[in-house]
Structures are given as C-alpha cells and as structure tokens.
Amino acid sequence: MQKQNPFEVFQKESPEVFAGFNGLVEALMNTKALDPKTKQLIYLGIKAAQGDQTAVLFHVPMAKKLGASRDEIKETILLTLTVCGLKGINTCLAEALDMYDHC
C-alpha cells in the first residue's frame, strides 16, 4: 500500500477546516519582518526538533526553492541539538539532506 500524503488527505477529508488552516498559513507567510527563506528555515528547525520527518521532507524543497543552501538546511537541523538533544538529528538530518540533494 502506497503511503498517502497527509496534507492531501486533510484537504480531501475536511475541506472547510483545511481552508481555514490554509488561510492561517498564508497570513503567517505574508508577514513582512522575516524573509520567506528565513521563515522556512525556522519552520524546519521547529519541525525537526519535534521529530516531524514528514513536515521536514515536505518543506526542504520549499526552502531550497527560496534559496536555502544545503549547509543552511544542515545547520538549521543541527541547532536542534540545544533544544531536544539528538532527536532532530536522528529523525530528520539524513533524510533532509538526501531530499535536498534529490529535489
């Protein structure tokens, strides 16, 4: 069985809630104090600290498209050491770098 994209399932199964969520995301992305690349790197760091590999892999290509380098992705995940120990590195680093190299 092929693994479904959880974001697509969310959208299909609950379009009204998805629309509200998507509106929140758009509002946050449209704020002006931080540039889009920085926002993506912060998001990656937070999600890696939580061990959320799915979100990290979804957002690596977005960060790369916004100009994030491989080293910036790596350092963002390495910074999670001070927050959660090895969790972010063990769950996300190798896969994130592989995604960066292949997207």
PDB file of N, CA and C in Angstrom:
ATOM      1  N   MET A   1       0.828  -1.181   0.000  1.00  0.00           N
ATOM      2  CA  MET A   1       0.000   0.000   0.000  1.00  0.00           C
ATOM      3  C   MET A   1       0.880   1.256   0.000  1.00  0.00           C
ATOM      4  N   GLN A   2       0.608   2.163  -0.914  1.00  0.00           N
ATOM      5  CA  GLN A   2       1.370   3.402  -1.016  1.00  0.00           C
ATOM      6  C   GLN A   2       0.932   4.373   0.079  1.00  0.00           C
ATOM      7  N   LYS A   3       1.914   5.004   0.713  1.00  0.00           N
ATOM      8  CA  LYS A   3       1.621   5.958   1.771  1.00  0.00           C
ATOM      9  C   LYS A   3       0.998   7.213   1.169  1.00  0.00           C
ATOM     10  N   GLN A   4      -0.103   7.650   1.742  1.00  0.00           N
ATOM     11  CA  GLN A   4      -0.788   8.839   1.259  1.00  0.00           C
ATOM     12  C   GLN A   4      -0.144  10.095   1.832  1.00  0.00           C
ATOM     13  N   ASN A   5      -0.229  11.157   1.078  1.00  0.00           N
ATOM     14  CA  ASN A   5       0.233  12.453   1.535  1.00  0.00           C
ATOM     15  C   ASN A   5      -0.767  12.953   2.579  1.00  0.00           C
ATOM     16  N   PRO A   6      -0.333  13.116   3.843  1.00  0.00           N
ATOM     17  CA  PRO A   6      -1.274  13.517   4.892  1.00  0.00           C
ATOM     18  C   PRO A   6      -1.933  14.874   4.633  1.00  0.00           C
ATOM     19  N   PHE A   7      -1.222  15.779   3.991  1.00  0.00           N
ATOM     20  CA  PHE A   7      -1.771  17.095   3.675  1.00  0.00           C
ATOM     21  C   PHE A   7      -2.922  16.964   2.675  1.00  0.00           C
ATOM     22  N   GLU A   8      -2.753  16.085   1.674  1.00  0.00           N
ATOM     23  CA  GLU A   8      -3.809  15.857   0.682  1.00  0.00           C
ATOM     24  C   GLU A   8      -5.023  15.177   1.311  1.00  0.00           C
ATOM     25  N   VAL A   9      -4.788  14.250   2.223  1.00  0.00           N
ATOM     26  CA  VAL A   9      -5.895  13.595   2.925  1.00  0.00           C
ATOM     27  C   VAL A   9      -6.663  14.633   3.740  1.00  0.00           C
ATOM     28  N   PHE A  10      -5.943  15.485   4.459  1.00  0.00           N
ATOM     29  CA  PHE A  10      -6.558  16.553   5.244  1.00  0.00           C
ATOM     30  C   PHE A  10      -7.456  17.415   4.353  1.00  0.00           C
ATOM     31  N   GLN A  11      -6.938  17.816   3.202  1.00  0.00           N
ATOM     32  CA  GLN A  11      -7.684  18.672   2.284  1.00  0.00           C
ATOM     33  C   GLN A  11      -8.930  17.961   1.752  1.00  0.00           C
ATOM     34  N   LYS A  12      -8.794  16.719   1.393  1.00  0.00           N
ATOM     35  CA  LYS A  12      -9.910  15.952   0.823  1.00  0.00           C
ATOM     36  C   LYS A  12     -10.981  15.648   1.864  1.00  0.00           C
ATOM     37  N   GLU A  13     -10.556  15.232   3.040  1.00  0.00           N
ATOM     38  CA  GLU A  13     -11.498  14.769   4.054  1.00  0.00           C
ATOM     39  C   GLU A  13     -12.158  15.894   4.849  1.00  0.00           C
ATOM     40  N   SER A  14     -11.524  17.047   4.888  1.00  0.00           N
ATOM     41  CA  SER A  14     -12.086  18.153   5.674  1.00  0.00           C
ATOM     42  C   SER A  14     -11.782  19.483   4.994  1.00  0.00           C
ATOM     43  N   PRO A  15     -12.405  19.722   3.849  1.00  0.00           N
ATOM     44  CA  PRO A  15     -12.062  20.910   3.071  1.00  0.00           C
ATOM     45  C   PRO A  15     -12.303  22.234   3.805  1.00  0.00           C
ATOM     46  N   GLU A  16     -13.338  22.302   4.650  1.00  0.00           N
ATOM     47  CA  GLU A  16     -13.612  23.556   5.359  1.00  0.00           C
ATOM     48  C   GLU A  16     -12.511  23.856   6.371  1.00  0.00           C
ATOM     49  N   VAL A  17     -12.112  22.855   7.136  1.00  0.00           N
ATOM     50  CA  VAL A  17     -11.050  23.046   8.120  1.00  0.00           C
ATOM     51  C   VAL A  17      -9.732  23.315   7.406  1.00  0.00           C
ATOM     52  N   PHE A  18      -9.489  22.600   6.317  1.00  0.00           N
ATOM     53  CA  PHE A  18      -8.281  22.822   5.535  1.00  0.00           C
ATOM     54  C   PHE A  18      -8.217  24.268   5.033  1.00  0.00           C
ATOM     55  N   ALA A  19      -9.324  24.789   4.557  1.00  0.00           N
ATOM     56  CA  ALA A  19      -9.345  26.163   4.055  1.00  0.00           C
ATOM     57  C   ALA A  19      -8.991  27.147   5.173  1.00  0.00           C
ATOM     58  N   GLY A  20      -9.521  26.912   6.365  1.00  0.00           N
ATOM     59  CA  GLY A  20      -9.179  27.768   7.500  1.00  0.00           C
ATOM     60  C   GLY A  20      -7.710  27.672   7.860  1.00  0.00           C
ATOM     61  N   PHE A  21      -7.197  26.455   7.902  1.00  0.00           N
ATOM     62  CA  PHE A  21      -5.778  26.232   8.185  1.00  0.00           C
ATOM     63  C   PHE A  21      -4.909  26.905   7.134  1.00  0.00           C
ATOM     64  N   ASN A  22      -5.272  26.716   5.882  1.00  0.00           N
ATOM     65  CA  ASN A  22      -4.502  27.291   4.788  1.00  0.00           C
ATOM     66  C   ASN A  22      -4.517  28.821   4.866  1.00  0.00           C
ATOM     67  N   GLY A  23      -5.631  29.400   5.271  1.00  0.00           N
ATOM     68  CA  GLY A  23      -5.699  30.845   5.454  1.00  0.00           C
ATOM     69  C   GLY A  23      -4.745  31.327   6.534  1.00  0.00           C
ATOM     70  N   LEU A  24      -4.655  30.559   7.627  1.00  0.00           N
ATOM     71  CA  LEU A  24      -3.719  30.894   8.700  1.00  0.00           C
ATOM     72  C   LEU A  24      -2.281  30.842   8.195  1.00  0.00           C
ATOM     73  N   VAL A  25      -1.945  29.781   7.468  1.00  0.00           N
ATOM     74  CA  VAL A  25      -0.591  29.630   6.922  1.00  0.00           C
ATOM     75  C   VAL A  25      -0.272  30.795   5.987  1.00  0.00           C
ATOM     76  N   GLU A  26      -1.210  31.131   5.110  1.00  0.00           N
ATOM     77  CA  GLU A  26      -0.982  32.242   4.181  1.00  0.00           C
ATOM     78  C   GLU A  26      -0.777  33.555   4.926  1.00  0.00           C
ATOM     79  N   ALA A  27      -1.571  33.803   5.976  1.00  0.00           N
ATOM     80  CA  ALA A  27      -1.419  35.033   6.759  1.00  0.00           C
ATOM     81  C   ALA A  27      -0.033  35.093   7.397  1.00  0.00           C
ATOM     82  N   LEU A  28       0.437  33.969   7.929  1.00  0.00           N
ATOM     83  CA  LEU A  28       1.769  33.932   8.537  1.00  0.00           C
ATOM     84  C   LEU A  28       2.867  34.136   7.492  1.00  0.00           C
ATOM     85  N   MET A  29       2.704  33.550   6.334  1.00  0.00           N
ATOM     86  CA  MET A  29       3.714  33.692   5.290  1.00  0.00           C
ATOM     87  C   MET A  29       3.731  35.097   4.697  1.00  0.00           C
ATOM     88  N   ASN A  30       2.634  35.831   4.834  1.00  0.00           N
ATOM     89  CA  ASN A  30       2.556  37.178   4.278  1.00  0.00           C
ATOM     90  C   ASN A  30       3.025  38.267   5.241  1.00  0.00           C
ATOM     91  N   THR A  31       3.432  37.901   6.450  1.00  0.00           N
ATOM     92  CA  THR A  31       4.011  38.901   7.338  1.00  0.00           C
ATOM     93  C   THR A  31       5.343  39.352   6.755  1.00  0.00           C
ATOM     94  N   LYS A  32       5.818  40.509   7.152  1.00  0.00           N
ATOM     95  CA  LYS A  32       6.955  41.118   6.454  1.00  0.00           C
ATOM     96  C   LYS A  32       8.279  41.155   7.222  1.00  0.00           C
ATOM     97  N   ALA A  33       8.298  40.895   8.519  1.00  0.00           N
ATOM     98  CA  ALA A  33       9.529  41.080   9.289  1.00  0.00           C
ATOM     99  C   ALA A  33      10.629  40.095   8.902  1.00  0.00           C
ATOM    100  N   LEU A  34      10.271  38.876   8.563  1.00  0.00           N
ATOM    101  CA  LEU A  34      11.252  37.858   8.161  1.00  0.00           C
ATOM    102  C   LEU A  34      11.065  37.526   6.689  1.00  0.00           C
ATOM    103  N   ASP A  35      12.156  37.298   6.004  1.00  0.00           N
ATOM    104  CA  ASP A  35      12.054  36.911   4.603  1.00  0.00           C
ATOM    105  C   ASP A  35      11.580  35.450   4.507  1.00  0.00           C
ATOM    106  N   PRO A  36      11.005  35.057   3.365  1.00  0.00           N
ATOM    107  CA  PRO A  36      10.451  33.706   3.224  1.00  0.00           C
ATOM    108  C   PRO A  36      11.450  32.576   3.489  1.00  0.00           C
ATOM    109  N   LYS A  37      12.699  32.740   3.052  1.00  0.00           N
ATOM    110  CA  LYS A  37      13.696  31.684   3.296  1.00  0.00           C
ATOM    111  C   LYS A  37      13.928  31.497   4.786  1.00  0.00           C
ATOM    112  N   THR A  38      14.059  32.591   5.507  1.00  0.00           N
ATOM    113  CA  THR A  38      14.274  32.510   6.951  1.00  0.00           C
ATOM    114  C   THR A  38      13.090  31.819   7.624  1.00  0.00           C
ATOM    115  N   LYS A  39      11.882  32.154   7.206  1.00  0.00           N
ATOM    116  CA  LYS A  39      10.686  31.509   7.767  1.00  0.00           C
ATOM    117  C   LYS A  39      10.729  29.997   7.542  1.00  0.00           C
ATOM    118  N   GLN A  40      11.119  29.585   6.345  1.00  0.00           N
ATOM    119  CA  GLN A  40      11.190  28.150   6.059  1.00  0.00           C
ATOM    120  C   GLN A  40      12.244  27.471   6.925  1.00  0.00           C
ATOM    121  N   LEU A  41      13.388  28.109   7.099  1.00  0.00           N
ATOM    122  CA  LEU A  41      14.443  27.521   7.930  1.00  0.00           C
ATOM    123  C   LEU A  41      13.995  27.418   9.390  1.00  0.00           C
ATOM    124  N   ILE A  42      13.320  28.434   9.891  1.00  0.00           N
ATOM    125  CA  ILE A  42      12.798  28.368  11.263  1.00  0.00           C
ATOM    126  C   ILE A  42      11.795  27.232  11.380  1.00  0.00           C
ATOM    127  N   TYR A  43      10.911  27.144  10.428  1.00  0.00           N
ATOM    128  CA  TYR A  43       9.908  26.072  10.440  1.00  0.00           C
ATOM    129  C   TYR A  43      10.583  24.702  10.422  1.00  0.00           C
ATOM    130  N   LEU A  44      11.583  24.544   9.565  1.00  0.00           N
ATOM    131  CA  LEU A  44      12.315  23.273   9.510  1.00  0.00           C
ATOM    132  C   LEU A  44      12.951  22.946  10.856  1.00  0.00           C
ATOM    133  N   GLY A  45      13.533  23.933  11.498  1.00  0.00           N
ATOM    134  CA  GLY A  45      14.148  23.707  12.802  1.00  0.00           C
ATOM    135  C   GLY A  45      13.129  23.277  13.842  1.00  0.00           C
ATOM    136  N   ILE A  46      11.985  23.938  13.859  1.00  0.00           N
ATOM    137  CA  ILE A  46      10.934  23.585  14.818  1.00  0.00           C
ATOM    138  C   ILE A  46      10.438  22.166  14.556  1.00  0.00           C
ATOM    139  N   LYS A  47      10.158  21.863  13.319  1.00  0.00           N
ATOM    140  CA  LYS A  47       9.637  20.531  12.991  1.00  0.00           C
ATOM    141  C   LYS A  47      10.681  19.443  13.225  1.00  0.00           C
ATOM    142  N   ALA A  48      11.942  19.727  12.954  1.00  0.00           N
ATOM    143  CA  ALA A  48      12.999  18.747  13.237  1.00  0.00           C
ATOM    144  C   ALA A  48      13.119  18.524  14.737  1.00  0.00           C
ATOM    145  N   ALA A  49      13.015  19.596  15.530  1.00  0.00           N
ATOM    146  CA  ALA A  49      13.085  19.460  16.987  1.00  0.00           C
ATOM    147  C   ALA A  49      11.955  18.580  17.503  1.00  0.00           C
ATOM    148  N   GLN A  50      10.820  18.612  16.822  1.00  0.00           N
ATOM    149  CA  GLN A  50       9.687  17.767  17.188  1.00  0.00           C
ATOM    150  C   GLN A  50       9.824  16.346  16.634  1.00  0.00           C
ATOM    151  N   GLY A  51      10.791  16.139  15.758  1.00  0.00           N
ATOM    152  CA  GLY A  51      10.959  14.835  15.130  1.00  0.00           C
ATOM    153  C   GLY A  51       9.954  14.578  14.017  1.00  0.00           C
ATOM    154  N   ASP A  52       9.386  15.637  13.463  1.00  0.00           N
ATOM    155  CA  ASP A  52       8.348  15.517  12.432  1.00  0.00           C
ATOM    156  C   ASP A  52       9.000  15.406  11.049  1.00  0.00           C
ATOM    157  N   GLN A  53       9.430  14.201  10.749  1.00  0.00           N
ATOM    158  CA  GLN A  53      10.143  13.941   9.499  1.00  0.00           C
ATOM    159  C   GLN A  53       9.294  14.268   8.274  1.00  0.00           C
ATOM    160  N   THR A  54       8.000  13.964   8.319  1.00  0.00           N
ATOM    161  CA  THR A  54       7.126  14.238   7.178  1.00  0.00           C
ATOM    162  C   THR A  54       7.128  15.720   6.837  1.00  0.00           C
ATOM    163  N   ALA A  55       6.964  16.577   7.842  1.00  0.00           N
ATOM    164  CA  ALA A  55       6.952  18.023   7.593  1.00  0.00           C
ATOM    165  C   ALA A  55       8.307  18.512   7.098  1.00  0.00           C
ATOM    166  N   VAL A  56       9.380  17.992   7.684  1.00  0.00           N
ATOM    167  CA  VAL A  56      10.721  18.397   7.258  1.00  0.00           C
ATOM    168  C   VAL A  56      10.921  18.055   5.784  1.00  0.00           C
ATOM    169  N   LEU A  57      10.563  16.845   5.396  1.00  0.00           N
ATOM    170  CA  LEU A  57      10.760  16.432   3.999  1.00  0.00           C
ATOM    171  C   LEU A  57       9.865  17.211   3.047  1.00  0.00           C
ATOM    172  N   PHE A  58       8.718  17.635   3.504  1.00  0.00           N
ATOM    173  CA  PHE A  58       7.815  18.433   2.684  1.00  0.00           C
ATOM    174  C   PHE A  58       8.366  19.843   2.478  1.00  0.00           C
ATOM    175  N   HIS A  59       9.040  20.379   3.496  1.00  0.00           N
ATOM    176  CA  HIS A  59       9.483  21.768   3.440  1.00  0.00           C
ATOM    177  C   HIS A  59      10.913  21.964   2.940  1.00  0.00           C
ATOM    178  N   VAL A  60      11.726  20.941   2.902  1.00  0.00           N
ATOM    179  CA  VAL A  60      13.088  21.090   2.366  1.00  0.00           C
ATOM    180  C   VAL A  60      13.064  21.615   0.930  1.00  0.00           C
ATOM    181  N   PRO A  61      12.251  21.036   0.033  1.00  0.00           N
ATOM    182  CA  PRO A  61      12.234  21.585  -1.333  1.00  0.00           C
ATOM    183  C   PRO A  61      11.756  23.039  -1.386  1.00  0.00           C
ATOM    184  N   MET A  62      10.840  23.392  -0.491  1.00  0.00           N
ATOM    185  CA  MET A  62      10.360  24.776  -0.458  1.00  0.00           C
ATOM    186  C   MET A  62      11.493  25.716  -0.042  1.00  0.00           C
ATOM    187  N   ALA A  63      12.259  25.306   0.970  1.00  0.00           N
ATOM    188  CA  ALA A  63      13.385  26.122   1.422  1.00  0.00           C
ATOM    189  C   ALA A  63      14.439  26.232   0.325  1.00  0.00           C
ATOM    190  N   LYS A  64      14.705  25.128  -0.340  1.00  0.00           N
ATOM    191  CA  LYS A  64      15.694  25.143  -1.424  1.00  0.00           C
ATOM    192  C   LYS A  64      15.253  26.082  -2.542  1.00  0.00           C
ATOM    193  N   LYS A  65      13.980  26.025  -2.885  1.00  0.00           N
ATOM    194  CA  LYS A  65      13.456  26.893  -3.938  1.00  0.00           C
ATOM    195  C   LYS A  65      13.593  28.375  -3.564  1.00  0.00           C
ATOM    196  N   LEU A  66      13.543  28.658  -2.270  1.00  0.00           N
ATOM    197  CA  LEU A  66      13.688  30.043  -1.792  1.00  0.00           C
ATOM    198  C   LEU A  66      15.153  30.454  -1.627  1.00  0.00           C
ATOM    199  N   GLY A  67      16.084  29.542  -1.987  1.00  0.00           N
ATOM    200  CA  GLY A  67      17.499  29.886  -1.966  1.00  0.00           C
ATOM    201  C   GLY A  67      18.289  29.324  -0.807  1.00  0.00           C
ATOM    202  N   ALA A  68      17.679  28.471   0.021  1.00  0.00           N
ATOM    203  CA  ALA A  68      18.414  27.875   1.138  1.00  0.00           C
ATOM    204  C   ALA A  68      19.461  26.906   0.606  1.00  0.00           C
ATOM    205  N   SER A  69      20.653  27.006   1.129  1.00  0.00           N
ATOM    206  CA  SER A  69      21.721  26.097   0.726  1.00  0.00           C
ATOM    207  C   SER A  69      21.629  24.794   1.527  1.00  0.00           C
ATOM    208  N   ARG A  70      22.343  23.808   1.065  1.00  0.00           N
ATOM    209  CA  ARG A  70      22.421  22.525   1.777  1.00  0.00           C
ATOM    210  C   ARG A  70      22.990  22.751   3.175  1.00  0.00           C
ATOM    211  N   ASP A  71      24.007  23.596   3.281  1.00  0.00           N
ATOM    212  CA  ASP A  71      24.602  23.885   4.592  1.00  0.00           C
ATOM    213  C   ASP A  71      23.617  24.590   5.522  1.00  0.00           C
ATOM    214  N   GLU A  72      22.778  25.455   4.973  1.00  0.00           N
ATOM    215  CA  GLU A  72      21.771  26.110   5.814  1.00  0.00           C
ATOM    216  C   GLU A  72      20.746  25.110   6.344  1.00  0.00           C
ATOM    217  N   ILE A  73      20.343  24.172   5.508  1.00  0.00           N
ATOM    218  CA  ILE A  73      19.424  23.110   5.964  1.00  0.00           C
ATOM    219  C   ILE A  73      20.097  22.309   7.073  1.00  0.00           C
ATOM    220  N   LYS A  74      21.344  21.922   6.837  1.00  0.00           N
ATOM    221  CA  LYS A  74      22.087  21.128   7.816  1.00  0.00           C
ATOM    222  C   LYS A  74      22.227  21.876   9.139  1.00  0.00           C
ATOM    223  N   GLU A  75      22.665  23.124   9.093  1.00  0.00           N
ATOM    224  CA  GLU A  75      22.867  23.884  10.321  1.00  0.00           C
ATOM    225  C   GLU A  75      21.561  24.132  11.063  1.00  0.00           C
ATOM    226  N   THR A  76      20.483  24.326  10.331  1.00  0.00           N
ATOM    227  CA  THR A  76      19.177  24.507  10.964  1.00  0.00           C
ATOM    228  C   THR A  76      18.815  23.286  11.790  1.00  0.00           C
ATOM    229  N   ILE A  77      19.034  22.105  11.242  1.00  0.00           N
ATOM    230  CA  ILE A  77      18.716  20.877  11.977  1.00  0.00           C
ATOM    231  C   ILE A  77      19.719  20.648  13.100  1.00  0.00           C
ATOM    232  N   LEU A  78      20.987  20.977  12.875  1.00  0.00           N
ATOM    233  CA  LEU A  78      21.987  20.836  13.937  1.00  0.00           C
ATOM    234  C   LEU A  78      21.667  21.717  15.146  1.00  0.00           C
ATOM    235  N   LEU A  79      21.062  22.875  14.917  1.00  0.00           N
ATOM    236  CA  LEU A  79      20.701  23.765  16.020  1.00  0.00           C
ATOM    237  C   LEU A  79      19.693  23.131  16.974  1.00  0.00           C
ATOM    238  N   THR A  80      18.977  22.122  16.511  1.00  0.00           N
ATOM    239  CA  THR A  80      18.000  21.475  17.390  1.00  0.00           C
ATOM    240  C   THR A  80      18.672  20.696  18.508  1.00  0.00           C
ATOM    241  N   LEU A  81      19.981  20.466  18.414  1.00  0.00           N
ATOM    242  CA  LEU A  81      20.712  19.773  19.490  1.00  0.00           C
ATOM    243  C   LEU A  81      20.505  20.461  20.838  1.00  0.00           C
ATOM    244  N   THR A  82      20.476  21.775  20.844  1.00  0.00           N
ATOM    245  CA  THR A  82      20.344  22.507  22.106  1.00  0.00           C
ATOM    246  C   THR A  82      18.921  22.503  22.642  1.00  0.00           C
ATOM    247  N   VAL A  83      17.970  22.095  21.807  1.00  0.00           N
ATOM    248  CA  VAL A  83      16.564  22.087  22.204  1.00  0.00           C
ATOM    249  C   VAL A  83      16.106  20.696  22.622  1.00  0.00           C
ATOM    250  N   CYS A  84      16.504  19.694  21.853  1.00  0.00           N
ATOM    251  CA  CYS A  84      15.958  18.352  22.095  1.00  0.00           C
ATOM    252  C   CYS A  84      17.000  17.247  22.008  1.00  0.00           C
ATOM    253  N   GLY A  85      18.261  17.581  22.119  1.00  0.00           N
ATOM    254  CA  GLY A  85      19.286  16.548  22.023  1.00  0.00           C
ATOM    255  C   GLY A  85      19.377  16.001  20.616  1.00  0.00           C
ATOM    256  N   LEU A  86      19.536  14.715  20.515  1.00  0.00           N
ATOM    257  CA  LEU A  86      19.750  14.078  19.205  1.00  0.00           C
ATOM    258  C   LEU A  86      18.473  13.782  18.422  1.00  0.00           C
ATOM    259  N   LYS A  87      17.314  14.051  19.001  1.00  0.00           N
ATOM    260  CA  LYS A  87      16.052  13.690  18.350  1.00  0.00           C
ATOM    261  C   LYS A  87      15.948  14.233  16.926  1.00  0.00           C
ATOM    262  N   GLY A  88      16.144  15.531  16.742  1.00  0.00           N
ATOM    263  CA  GLY A  88      16.013  16.124  15.412  1.00  0.00           C
ATOM    264  C   GLY A  88      17.034  15.586  14.429  1.00  0.00           C
ATOM    265  N   ILE A  89      18.241  15.369  14.916  1.00  0.00           N
ATOM    266  CA  ILE A  89      19.296  14.843  14.052  1.00  0.00           C
ATOM    267  C   ILE A  89      19.012  13.386  13.682  1.00  0.00           C
ATOM    268  N   ASN A  90      18.644  12.600  14.677  1.00  0.00           N
ATOM    269  CA  ASN A  90      18.378  11.180  14.417  1.00  0.00           C
ATOM    270  C   ASN A  90      17.172  10.959  13.528  1.00  0.00           C
ATOM    271  N   THR A  91      16.158  11.810  13.640  1.00  0.00           N
ATOM    272  CA  THR A  91      14.935  11.575  12.873  1.00  0.00           C
ATOM    273  C   THR A  91      14.881  12.309  11.551  1.00  0.00           C
ATOM    274  N   CYS A  92      15.694  13.374  11.388  1.00  0.00           N
ATOM    275  CA  CYS A  92      15.486  14.224  10.217  1.00  0.00           C
ATOM    276  C   CYS A  92      16.718  14.571   9.386  1.00  0.00           C
ATOM    277  N   LEU A  93      17.907  14.572   9.956  1.00  0.00           N
ATOM    278  CA  LEU A  93      19.056  15.126   9.241  1.00  0.00           C
ATOM    279  C   LEU A  93      19.379  14.380   7.952  1.00  0.00           C
ATOM    280  N   ALA A  94      19.591  13.092   8.032  1.00  0.00           N
ATOM    281  CA  ALA A  94      19.994  12.328   6.839  1.00  0.00           C
ATOM    282  C   ALA A  94      18.946  12.420   5.737  1.00  0.00           C
ATOM    283  N   GLU A  95      17.690  12.275   6.118  1.00  0.00           N
ATOM    284  CA  GLU A  95      16.618  12.315   5.128  1.00  0.00           C
ATOM    285  C   GLU A  95      16.464  13.706   4.523  1.00  0.00           C
ATOM    286  N   ALA A  96      16.625  14.746   5.347  1.00  0.00           N
ATOM    287  CA  ALA A  96      16.520  16.111   4.831  1.00  0.00           C
ATOM    288  C   ALA A  96      17.620  16.414   3.824  1.00  0.00           C
ATOM    289  N   LEU A  97      18.838  16.002   4.135  1.00  0.00           N
ATOM    290  CA  LEU A  97      19.943  16.240   3.206  1.00  0.00           C
ATOM    291  C   LEU A  97      19.778  15.431   1.928  1.00  0.00           C
ATOM    292  N   ASP A  98      19.290  14.204   2.058  1.00  0.00           N
ATOM    293  CA  ASP A  98      19.013  13.388   0.866  1.00  0.00           C
ATOM    294  C   ASP A  98      17.930  14.046   0.013  1.00  0.00           C
ATOM    295  N   MET A  99      16.891  14.551   0.659  1.00  0.00           N
ATOM    296  CA  MET A  99      15.817  15.250  -0.077  1.00  0.00           C
ATOM    297  C   MET A  99      16.390  16.469  -0.778  1.00  0.00           C
ATOM    298  N   TYR A 100      17.235  17.228  -0.086  1.00  0.00           N
ATOM    299  CA  TYR A 100      17.844  18.417  -0.685  1.00  0.00           C
ATOM    300  C   TYR A 100      18.643  18.030  -1.935  1.00  0.00           C
ATOM    301  N   ASP A 101      19.410  16.962  -1.831  1.00  0.00           N
ATOM    302  CA  ASP A 101      20.266  16.531  -2.933  1.00  0.00           C
ATOM    303  C   ASP A 101      19.471  16.027  -4.138  1.00  0.00           C
ATOM    304  N   HIS A 102      18.242  15.589  -3.913  1.00  0.00           N
ATOM    305  CA  HIS A 102      17.471  14.966  -4.992  1.00  0.00           C
ATOM    306  C   HIS A 102      16.235  15.721  -5.414  1.00  0.00           C
ATOM    307  N   CYS A 103      16.080  16.957  -4.924  1.00  0.00           N
ATOM    308  CA  CYS A 103      14.890  17.702  -5.379  1.00  0.00           C
ATOM    309  C   CYS A 103      15.287  18.866  -6.252  1.00  0.00           C
TER     310      CYS A 103
END
